[in-house]
Amino acid sequence: MKRFGCKVLLLLGGMFVLGGTAQAQYLRSSYFMEGTSARLQLNPGLQPTRGYFNIPVIGSLNVSASSNVLGTSDIIDVLDSKNSLYSNDKLFDKLLQSDNRLNVNLNTDILSFGWYRGKGFWTFNVGLRTDIGASLAKDMFSMMRNMKGFALEDMAGTTANYDLSNQSVNVKAYAEVGLGYSRRITEKLTVGARVKVLLGLARAEVNINKFNVDLDLPNLNATGGEVSPSDWYGKGYSYTADANVLTTLKGGGMTFNEDGKINKFDMKLEDMGISGTGFGIDLGASYKIWDNLTVSASVLDLGFLNWKESETTVATVTGNENVVIDENNYDRYIGGDFLSVERFDFKKGSTENVKNKTRLYSTVLLAGEYGLLNNKLSVGAMYTARFVEPKTLNELTFSATFRPANWLNAAVSYSPILASGKSIGLAVKLGPLFVGTDYMFLGRNSKTVNGFIGISLPLGGKPSTSSEM
């Protein structure tokens, strides 16, 4: 897997954002729905109305994506456009920013259930978690565009300077085995915690600390304004770089040729296994100030993953290079895919200075709820901050929840920050089926989408009454 192109990059971004019609890691709209188990993912100090058993894999599946640049309508317009991506002036001149960020999360529980025993509520889960974060410079896209001969009218015959520094891509996948316990301490106070053993499956990082490029641009062809390969011959291409790529994957990773340059990315499914271990903990509590006013708080994913150095491969590039484009190196520097590893001369590096201990992306949550009509209806507000890379994601959520019975819960929510106020949330529990989203696509240009689906069956008894505590 040595080459990636601009089209692939943009389409991939589109799939990340739109594929979640499915930025919360969990479904915030479920938080005040007492009949669902999904709310426990946001606060282990909460308790459902009864025990549950989630159907494996599809019993608790959540996907979310967030971008600071492209919204759903923007991506649809780009993908539907009959013109080349490189000729899309709106994309390059109006939408892309100096720092273009993307976050994607995928969570599913292979097995999860919870039950009341004695004075407490227990939970157990085995899940898979994937986090993706990227920060990409606008100059990278502009350079791709110019190399394809687009947007050269005011630049032809000059030397262009591109700053591709401070870019990063982080991918992390791991399994989680968790055990949780919550208990009502008094009539007003409930506390809970969940401890998690983490098994690292794979990670990949691209860190571009410095990358400055000077490129001599050709003059436009007088006959048609097009640029041919021969127009690039004799032009200068120089860069100064400090960057690295690393992978940690049992049964795979980067391989190198005799010169130490990246040969390919190899993955053998039959050899895949655990490439790291770690530990995490979730903490939560709720407190009933009055009979109809409850406040709650939680801290999620406090922990780390230790990746095995023996399963880690590293490639680095430092220094500078100056070349003159000719027919022998045109495909390498101009005509080929921009992100080809051949272009940047990555070579095998040492793992001695690699940071193999990585933190989890923690979340802080604060919430308050006011119950009405004998607690059948409630209004609530919640603040969440998720400390992801490259930048923390903050959100406010306001919701109204209708819960006439354990088998029927419904919530409508509004989260204005990440979606720029252009979307609403909706969640419904009908018998064993639970579906929801915090950012429903309404034809408007929301920059954040997510979705949750769950199917669960009742398990065990109900919580203890106050007299039994």
Protein backbone atom coordinates (compact mmCIF):
# COMPACT_ATOMS: atom_id res chain seq x y z
CA MET A 1 0.00 0.00 0.00
CA LYS A 2 2.45 2.63 -1.20
CA ARG A 3 0.34 5.26 -2.93
CA PHE A 4 -2.56 7.47 -2.04
CA GLY A 5 -4.07 10.23 -4.17
CA CYS A 6 -5.99 13.41 -3.53
CA LYS A 7 -9.20 11.83 -4.79
CA VAL A 8 -8.78 8.87 -2.48
CA LEU A 9 -8.02 11.19 0.42
CA LEU A 10 -11.10 13.33 -0.10
CA LEU A 11 -13.41 10.40 -0.77
CA LEU A 12 -12.07 8.68 2.32
CA GLY A 13 -12.85 11.78 4.33
CA GLY A 14 -16.34 11.78 2.86
CA MET A 15 -16.91 8.18 3.82
CA PHE A 16 -15.69 8.86 7.35
CA VAL A 17 -18.14 11.70 7.80
CA LEU A 18 -21.11 10.29 5.93
CA GLY A 19 -20.60 6.63 6.75
CA GLY A 20 -21.84 7.25 10.26
CA THR A 21 -25.32 8.15 9.33
CA ALA A 22 -24.30 6.36 11.90
CA GLN A 23 -18.58 13.97 17.68
CA ALA A 24 -19.53 12.16 20.59
CA GLN A 25 -17.88 8.89 21.31
CA TYR A 26 -21.19 7.78 22.81
CA LEU A 27 -24.80 8.81 22.28
CA ARG A 28 -25.53 11.86 24.43
CA SER A 29 -29.24 11.81 23.56
CA SER A 30 -29.55 8.57 25.56
CA TYR A 31 -28.22 10.04 28.80
CA PHE A 32 -31.60 10.81 30.41
CA MET A 33 -33.38 7.73 29.00
CA GLU A 34 -33.70 5.56 32.10
CA GLY A 35 -34.84 2.50 30.16
CA THR A 36 -31.65 2.15 28.07
CA SER A 37 -28.29 0.57 28.80
CA ALA A 38 -26.53 2.97 26.40
CA ARG A 39 -26.54 5.72 29.05
CA LEU A 40 -24.18 3.65 31.23
CA GLN A 41 -21.43 4.17 28.65
CA LEU A 42 -21.54 7.87 29.53
CA ASN A 43 -21.67 7.45 33.29
CA PRO A 44 -21.05 4.22 35.25
CA GLY A 45 -22.74 5.86 38.23
CA LEU A 46 -26.15 5.71 36.55
CA GLN A 47 -28.47 2.73 36.90
CA PRO A 48 -31.07 1.42 34.43
CA THR A 49 -34.59 0.45 35.42
CA ARG A 50 -33.65 -3.25 35.19
CA GLY A 51 -30.88 -5.61 34.05
CA TYR A 52 -30.10 -6.16 30.37
CA PHE A 53 -28.38 -8.44 27.87
CA ASN A 54 -27.25 -6.79 24.63
CA ILE A 55 -27.35 -8.91 21.47
CA PRO A 56 -23.71 -9.59 20.46
CA VAL A 57 -22.07 -7.04 18.10
CA ILE A 58 -25.29 -5.25 17.06
CA GLY A 59 -26.46 -4.84 20.63
CA SER A 60 -24.37 -1.71 21.11
CA LEU A 61 -22.91 -0.22 17.91
CA ASN A 62 -21.90 3.44 17.71
CA VAL A 63 -20.18 5.40 14.93
CA SER A 64 -19.37 9.11 14.97
CA ALA A 65 -17.41 11.59 12.87
CA SER A 66 -16.55 15.26 13.15
CA SER A 67 -14.74 17.78 10.95
CA ASN A 68 -14.02 21.48 11.35
CA VAL A 69 -14.11 22.02 7.58
CA LEU A 70 -16.39 19.88 5.42
CA GLY A 71 -20.05 19.43 6.27
CA THR A 72 -22.40 16.78 4.94
CA SER A 73 -23.72 18.99 2.13
CA ASP A 74 -20.19 20.02 1.13
CA ILE A 75 -19.10 16.40 0.75
CA ILE A 76 -22.23 15.45 -1.19
CA ASP A 77 -21.62 18.38 -3.57
CA VAL A 78 -17.99 17.36 -4.10
CA LEU A 79 -18.83 13.70 -4.72
CA ASP A 80 -21.72 14.59 -7.06
CA SER A 81 -19.66 17.08 -9.06
CA LYS A 82 -18.91 15.98 -12.61
CA ASN A 83 -15.78 18.11 -12.67
CA SER A 84 -12.37 17.08 -11.41
CA LEU A 85 -11.79 17.58 -7.71
CA TYR A 86 -8.83 19.76 -8.61
CA SER A 87 -11.03 22.21 -10.52
CA ASN A 88 -13.45 22.67 -7.61
CA ASP A 89 -12.78 26.31 -6.71
CA LYS A 90 -15.28 26.27 -3.85
CA LEU A 91 -13.48 23.37 -2.19
CA PHE A 92 -10.00 24.86 -2.44
CA ASP A 93 -10.75 28.58 -2.10
CA LYS A 94 -13.62 28.68 0.40
CA LEU A 95 -13.92 25.42 2.34
CA LEU A 96 -10.42 24.21 3.12
CA GLN A 97 -8.72 26.00 6.02
CA SER A 98 -5.10 26.28 7.08
CA ASP A 99 -5.70 23.42 9.55
CA ASN A 100 -8.24 20.79 8.46
CA ARG A 101 -9.20 18.40 11.26
CA LEU A 102 -11.11 15.12 11.26
CA ASN A 103 -12.08 12.74 14.06
CA VAL A 104 -13.77 9.36 13.64
CA ASN A 105 -14.79 6.84 16.31
CA LEU A 106 -16.20 3.33 16.02
CA ASN A 107 -17.34 1.37 19.07
CA THR A 108 -19.11 -1.94 19.34
CA ASP A 109 -19.63 -4.42 22.16
CA ILE A 110 -19.12 -8.03 21.15
CA LEU A 111 -20.70 -9.03 24.44
CA SER A 112 -22.28 -6.88 27.16
CA PHE A 113 -24.78 -7.36 29.94
CA GLY A 114 -25.72 -5.95 33.35
CA TRP A 115 -27.64 -7.22 36.35
CA TYR A 116 -28.76 -6.21 39.82
CA ARG A 117 -27.35 -8.22 42.69
CA GLY A 118 -27.86 -7.30 46.30
CA LYS A 119 -27.58 -3.56 46.74
CA GLY A 120 -25.56 -2.91 43.59
CA PHE A 121 -25.66 -3.11 39.81
CA TRP A 122 -22.95 -4.99 37.90
CA THR A 123 -21.94 -4.67 34.24
CA PHE A 124 -19.61 -6.68 32.02
CA ASN A 125 -18.55 -6.00 28.44
CA VAL A 126 -16.10 -7.09 25.77
CA GLY A 127 -15.80 -4.42 23.10
CA LEU A 128 -13.82 -3.13 20.14
CA ARG A 129 -12.78 0.53 19.92
CA THR A 130 -11.27 2.49 17.04
CA ASP A 131 -10.16 6.14 17.15
CA ILE A 132 -8.96 8.12 14.13
CA GLY A 133 -7.68 11.69 14.23
CA ALA A 134 -6.11 13.77 11.49
CA SER A 135 -4.84 17.31 11.04
CA LEU A 136 -4.00 18.24 7.43
CA ALA A 137 -2.60 21.49 6.01
CA LYS A 138 -4.35 23.36 3.21
CA ASP A 139 -1.00 23.78 1.44
CA MET A 140 -0.85 20.02 0.92
CA PHE A 141 -4.07 20.09 -1.11
CA SER A 142 -2.96 23.24 -2.96
CA MET A 143 0.32 21.59 -3.94
CA MET A 144 -1.50 18.52 -5.25
CA ARG A 145 -3.74 20.79 -7.28
CA ASN A 146 -0.87 22.74 -8.82
CA MET A 147 1.02 19.56 -9.69
CA LYS A 148 -2.00 18.44 -11.70
CA GLY A 149 -1.87 21.70 -13.67
CA PHE A 150 -4.81 23.46 -11.98
CA ALA A 151 -5.00 27.02 -10.59
CA LEU A 152 -1.71 28.05 -12.22
CA GLU A 153 -2.98 31.16 -14.03
CA ASP A 154 -1.50 33.63 -11.53
CA MET A 155 1.47 31.46 -10.55
CA ALA A 156 2.85 30.07 -13.82
CA GLY A 157 6.57 30.59 -14.25
CA THR A 158 7.18 31.38 -10.57
CA THR A 159 8.55 29.43 -7.61
CA ALA A 160 5.80 28.36 -5.22
CA ASN A 161 6.44 27.84 -1.52
CA TYR A 162 4.34 25.28 0.36
CA ASP A 163 4.35 24.82 4.13
CA LEU A 164 3.23 21.26 4.94
CA SER A 165 4.44 21.32 8.56
CA ASN A 166 2.50 20.34 11.69
CA GLN A 167 0.39 17.62 10.11
CA SER A 168 -0.56 14.37 11.79
CA VAL A 169 -2.66 11.25 11.38
CA ASN A 170 -3.34 8.91 14.30
CA VAL A 171 -5.17 5.57 14.18
CA LYS A 172 -5.66 3.37 17.22
CA ALA A 173 -7.64 0.13 17.54
CA TYR A 174 -7.97 -1.93 20.69
CA ALA A 175 -10.20 -4.39 22.51
CA GLU A 176 -11.70 -3.73 25.92
CA VAL A 177 -12.78 -6.08 28.68
CA GLY A 178 -14.67 -4.13 31.33
CA LEU A 179 -16.28 -4.80 34.69
CA GLY A 180 -18.45 -2.15 36.33
CA TYR A 181 -20.26 -1.68 39.61
CA SER A 182 -22.62 1.03 40.88
CA ARG A 183 -24.43 1.43 44.17
CA ARG A 184 -26.84 3.79 45.85
CA ILE A 185 -24.98 5.09 48.89
CA THR A 186 -27.93 7.10 50.19
CA GLU A 187 -31.38 7.94 48.90
CA LYS A 188 -29.79 10.86 47.06
CA LEU A 189 -26.29 9.68 46.06
CA THR A 190 -25.31 6.92 43.61
CA VAL A 191 -21.69 6.24 42.64
CA GLY A 192 -20.10 3.83 40.19
CA ALA A 193 -16.89 2.79 38.48
CA ARG A 194 -15.82 0.58 35.61
CA VAL A 195 -12.34 -0.93 35.28
CA LYS A 196 -11.11 -2.02 31.87
CA VAL A 197 -8.32 -4.26 30.66
CA LEU A 198 -7.18 -3.06 27.23
CA LEU A 199 -5.66 -5.19 24.47
CA GLY A 200 -3.96 -3.20 21.73
CA LEU A 201 -4.67 -4.47 18.22
CA ALA A 202 -3.08 -1.88 15.93
CA ARG A 203 -1.83 1.67 15.76
CA ALA A 204 -0.46 3.88 13.01
CA GLU A 205 0.93 7.39 13.22
CA VAL A 206 2.15 9.92 10.68
CA ASN A 207 3.86 12.94 12.23
CA ILE A 208 5.07 15.71 9.94
CA ASN A 209 6.89 18.14 12.21
CA LYS A 210 8.43 20.13 9.37
CA PHE A 211 8.02 19.95 5.63
CA ASN A 212 8.71 22.98 3.45
CA VAL A 213 8.68 22.64 -0.34
CA ASP A 214 9.91 25.03 -3.04
CA LEU A 215 8.63 24.12 -6.49
CA ASP A 216 9.32 25.82 -9.82
CA LEU A 217 6.01 26.00 -11.68
CA PRO A 218 5.94 25.71 -15.49
CA ASN A 219 4.55 28.29 -17.89
CA LEU A 220 1.12 27.49 -19.30
CA ASN A 221 0.94 25.97 -22.75
CA ALA A 222 0.01 28.79 -25.12
CA THR A 223 -2.14 26.54 -27.29
CA GLY A 224 -4.55 25.35 -24.63
CA GLY A 225 -3.43 26.39 -21.18
CA GLU A 226 -2.68 22.77 -20.30
CA VAL A 227 0.49 21.45 -18.70
CA SER A 228 2.23 18.38 -20.10
CA PRO A 229 4.96 16.32 -18.42
CA SER A 230 7.63 17.89 -20.62
CA ASP A 231 6.66 21.34 -19.31
CA TRP A 232 7.96 20.26 -15.90
CA TYR A 233 11.35 19.09 -17.19
CA GLY A 234 14.16 21.32 -15.97
CA LYS A 235 12.13 22.69 -13.06
CA GLY A 236 13.50 22.64 -9.54
CA TYR A 237 11.98 20.69 -6.65
CA SER A 238 13.46 21.06 -3.17
CA TYR A 239 12.29 20.32 0.34
CA THR A 240 13.37 20.41 3.97
CA ALA A 241 11.75 17.72 6.09
CA ASP A 242 11.46 16.24 9.56
CA ALA A 243 8.80 13.53 9.66
CA ASN A 244 8.16 9.97 10.76
CA VAL A 245 5.74 7.11 10.22
CA LEU A 246 5.23 4.29 12.70
CA THR A 247 3.06 1.21 12.86
CA THR A 248 2.48 -1.31 15.63
CA LEU A 249 0.80 -4.47 14.43
CA LYS A 250 1.43 -8.09 15.28
CA GLY A 251 1.72 -10.02 12.05
CA GLY A 252 2.29 -6.93 9.90
CA GLY A 253 3.67 -3.43 9.51
CA MET A 254 6.09 -1.70 7.19
CA THR A 255 8.74 -3.70 5.38
CA PHE A 256 11.94 -2.26 3.91
CA ASN A 257 14.18 -3.02 0.95
CA GLU A 258 17.97 -3.42 0.98
CA ASP A 259 18.45 0.37 0.88
CA GLY A 260 16.33 0.81 4.00
CA LYS A 261 13.47 2.46 2.11
CA ILE A 262 9.85 1.46 2.63
CA ASN A 263 8.99 -1.46 0.41
CA LYS A 264 5.36 -2.10 1.34
CA PHE A 265 2.85 -2.38 4.15
CA ASP A 266 2.41 -6.03 5.04
CA MET A 267 -0.42 -7.64 7.00
CA LYS A 268 -0.97 -11.34 7.57
CA LEU A 269 -4.37 -12.04 9.07
CA GLU A 270 -3.34 -15.46 10.32
CA ASP A 271 -0.53 -13.90 12.38
CA MET A 272 -2.50 -11.00 13.86
CA GLY A 273 -2.75 -10.79 17.62
CA ILE A 274 -2.19 -8.62 20.66
CA SER A 275 0.36 -5.86 20.07
CA GLY A 276 -0.11 -3.96 23.33
CA THR A 277 -1.78 -4.00 26.74
CA GLY A 278 -3.20 -1.34 29.01
CA PHE A 279 -5.65 -0.32 31.67
CA GLY A 280 -8.52 2.14 31.93
CA ILE A 281 -11.13 3.29 34.40
CA ASP A 282 -14.43 5.18 34.23
CA LEU A 283 -15.81 7.04 37.26
CA GLY A 284 -19.29 8.47 37.74
CA ALA A 285 -21.84 9.69 40.22
CA SER A 286 -25.34 11.17 40.41
CA TYR A 287 -26.91 13.21 43.20
CA LYS A 288 -30.60 14.00 43.69
CA ILE A 289 -30.75 17.57 45.03
CA TRP A 290 -34.55 17.57 45.19
CA ASP A 291 -37.07 14.91 44.28
CA ASN A 292 -37.20 16.20 40.71
CA LEU A 293 -33.72 17.74 40.29
CA THR A 294 -30.67 15.52 39.72
CA VAL A 295 -27.08 16.44 38.87
CA SER A 296 -24.43 14.00 37.68
CA ALA A 297 -20.82 13.85 36.51
CA SER A 298 -18.36 11.36 35.08
CA VAL A 299 -14.80 10.99 33.86
CA LEU A 300 -14.33 8.35 31.17
CA ASP A 301 -11.32 6.55 29.74
CA LEU A 302 -8.66 7.47 32.26
CA GLY A 303 -5.87 5.14 31.24
CA PHE A 304 -3.16 4.13 28.82
CA LEU A 305 -1.97 1.56 26.31
CA ASN A 306 1.57 0.16 26.25
CA TRP A 307 2.50 -0.92 22.73
CA LYS A 308 5.10 -3.63 22.15
CA GLU A 309 8.36 -2.31 20.76
CA SER A 310 8.98 -5.69 19.12
CA GLU A 311 5.86 -5.22 16.96
CA THR A 312 6.67 -1.60 16.04
CA THR A 313 8.25 -0.41 12.79
CA VAL A 314 9.44 3.15 12.17
CA ALA A 315 10.37 5.14 9.08
CA THR A 316 11.84 8.65 9.18
CA VAL A 317 12.95 11.42 6.84
CA THR A 318 15.15 14.34 7.89
CA GLY A 319 17.27 16.91 6.10
CA ASN A 320 16.74 18.33 2.64
CA GLU A 321 16.85 17.43 -1.03
CA ASN A 322 17.23 19.42 -4.23
CA VAL A 323 16.40 17.84 -7.58
CA VAL A 324 15.74 18.89 -11.16
CA ILE A 325 12.68 17.30 -12.75
CA ASP A 326 13.35 15.18 -15.84
CA GLU A 327 11.78 12.25 -17.65
CA ASN A 328 13.39 9.79 -15.23
CA ASN A 329 12.02 11.25 -11.99
CA TYR A 330 8.84 12.99 -13.19
CA ASP A 331 6.50 10.25 -11.91
CA ARG A 332 8.26 10.18 -8.56
CA TYR A 333 8.03 13.89 -7.82
CA ILE A 334 5.22 15.32 -9.99
CA GLY A 335 3.14 12.83 -11.95
CA GLY A 336 2.66 10.08 -9.39
CA ASP A 337 0.32 10.04 -6.43
CA PHE A 338 1.24 12.86 -4.09
CA LEU A 339 1.46 10.74 -0.94
CA SER A 340 3.65 8.04 -2.45
CA VAL A 341 6.31 7.15 0.12
CA GLU A 342 8.87 7.17 -2.69
CA ARG A 343 8.45 10.93 -3.01
CA PHE A 344 9.62 11.65 0.51
CA ASP A 345 12.51 9.19 0.89
CA PHE A 346 11.33 7.63 4.14
CA LYS A 347 13.92 5.19 5.48
CA LYS A 348 13.92 2.63 8.26
CA GLY A 349 14.33 4.28 11.65
CA SER A 350 15.08 3.19 15.20
CA THR A 351 12.36 2.32 17.71
CA GLU A 352 14.48 3.39 20.70
CA ASN A 353 12.97 6.87 21.01
CA VAL A 354 9.42 5.87 20.10
CA LYS A 355 6.74 6.70 22.65
CA ASN A 356 5.15 3.29 23.20
CA LYS A 357 2.90 4.38 26.06
CA THR A 358 -0.11 6.28 24.73
CA ARG A 359 -2.99 7.75 26.70
CA LEU A 360 -6.64 7.06 26.07
CA TYR A 361 -8.84 9.88 24.80
CA SER A 362 -10.56 10.86 28.05
CA THR A 363 -13.98 12.51 28.41
CA VAL A 364 -15.36 14.78 31.14
CA LEU A 365 -19.15 15.04 31.51
CA LEU A 366 -21.35 17.32 33.65
CA ALA A 367 -25.16 17.12 33.56
CA GLY A 368 -28.35 18.25 35.24
CA GLU A 369 -31.94 17.04 34.85
CA TYR A 370 -35.34 18.27 36.03
CA GLY A 371 -38.23 15.79 36.12
CA LEU A 372 -41.86 16.62 35.38
CA LEU A 373 -45.20 14.79 35.49
CA ASN A 374 -44.10 12.25 38.09
CA ASN A 375 -40.78 11.81 36.25
CA LYS A 376 -42.45 10.67 33.01
CA LEU A 377 -41.01 13.73 31.28
CA SER A 378 -37.72 15.51 31.90
CA VAL A 379 -35.61 18.36 30.57
CA GLY A 380 -31.85 18.25 30.89
CA ALA A 381 -28.56 19.84 29.92
CA MET A 382 -25.12 18.30 29.54
CA TYR A 383 -21.55 19.46 28.86
CA THR A 384 -18.90 17.11 27.49
CA ALA A 385 -15.24 17.61 26.66
CA ARG A 386 -13.36 14.83 24.86
CA PHE A 387 -9.59 15.21 24.85
CA VAL A 388 -8.75 13.83 21.42
CA GLU A 389 -5.95 14.54 18.96
CA PRO A 390 -5.36 16.99 17.44
CA LYS A 391 -7.77 19.20 19.43
CA THR A 392 -10.25 18.82 22.30
CA LEU A 393 -13.91 18.53 21.25
CA ASN A 394 -16.41 20.40 23.42
CA GLU A 395 -20.19 20.13 23.24
CA LEU A 396 -23.35 21.30 25.00
CA THR A 397 -26.50 19.20 24.75
CA PHE A 398 -30.04 20.22 25.70
CA SER A 399 -32.66 17.49 25.71
CA ALA A 400 -36.27 16.64 26.47
CA THR A 401 -36.99 13.02 27.37
CA PHE A 402 -40.31 11.16 27.44
CA ARG A 403 -40.29 7.89 29.40
CA PRO A 404 -43.81 6.61 30.13
CA ALA A 405 -42.66 2.99 30.49
CA ASN A 406 -39.51 0.89 30.57
CA TRP A 407 -40.19 -0.42 27.04
CA LEU A 408 -40.87 3.05 25.60
CA ASN A 409 -38.43 5.96 25.90
CA ALA A 410 -37.92 8.84 23.49
CA ALA A 411 -35.65 11.89 23.51
CA VAL A 412 -35.12 14.99 21.39
CA SER A 413 -31.84 16.88 21.79
CA TYR A 414 -30.00 19.89 20.45
CA SER A 415 -26.19 20.07 20.43
CA PRO A 416 -25.16 23.44 18.93
CA ILE A 417 -21.36 23.56 18.98
CA LEU A 418 -19.91 20.80 16.79
CA ALA A 419 -22.76 20.87 14.27
CA SER A 420 -22.83 24.69 14.23
CA GLY A 421 -26.47 24.63 15.29
CA LYS A 422 -27.59 22.91 12.08
CA SER A 423 -28.82 19.59 13.43
CA ILE A 424 -30.97 17.99 16.13
CA GLY A 425 -30.76 14.65 17.91
CA LEU A 426 -33.38 11.96 18.24
CA ALA A 427 -33.37 8.67 20.16
CA VAL A 428 -36.11 6.07 20.55
CA LYS A 429 -36.34 2.87 22.61
CA LEU A 430 -39.18 0.62 21.51
CA GLY A 431 -39.14 -2.73 23.24
CA PRO A 432 -35.73 -4.34 22.71
CA LEU A 433 -34.72 -1.96 19.88
CA PHE A 434 -32.90 1.29 20.53
CA VAL A 435 -31.75 3.69 17.80
CA GLY A 436 -30.54 7.26 17.97
CA THR A 437 -28.36 10.06 16.71
CA ASP A 438 -27.14 13.31 18.23
CA TYR A 439 -26.83 14.92 14.79
CA MET A 440 -29.63 14.03 12.41
CA PHE A 441 -29.02 14.92 8.76
CA LEU A 442 -31.77 17.33 7.76
CA GLY A 443 -30.34 18.45 4.42
CA ARG A 444 -28.31 21.14 6.15
CA ASN A 445 -24.54 21.38 6.26
CA SER A 446 -23.75 19.70 9.58
CA LYS A 447 -20.05 19.07 10.25
CA THR A 448 -20.74 16.33 12.78
CA VAL A 449 -22.76 13.12 12.48
CA ASN A 450 -23.19 10.02 14.62
CA GLY A 451 -25.51 7.10 15.08
CA PHE A 452 -26.24 4.33 17.55
CA ILE A 453 -28.14 1.06 17.24
CA GLY A 454 -28.75 -1.41 20.01
CA ILE A 455 -30.87 -4.48 20.66
CA SER A 456 -31.15 -5.69 24.24
CA LEU A 457 -33.21 -8.13 26.26
CA PRO A 458 -34.27 -7.74 29.92
CA LEU A 459 -32.14 -9.63 32.42
CA GLY A 460 -32.66 -10.14 36.13
CA GLY A 461 -34.47 -7.98 38.62
CA LYS A 462 -34.98 -4.33 39.37
CA PRO A 463 -33.11 -1.94 41.69
CA SER A 464 -33.54 -2.10 45.43
CA THR A 465 -36.03 0.21 47.07
CA SER A 466 -34.92 2.85 49.57
CA SER A 467 -35.93 0.65 52.50
CA GLU A 468 -33.64 -2.14 51.26
CA MET A 469 -30.48 -0.04 51.08
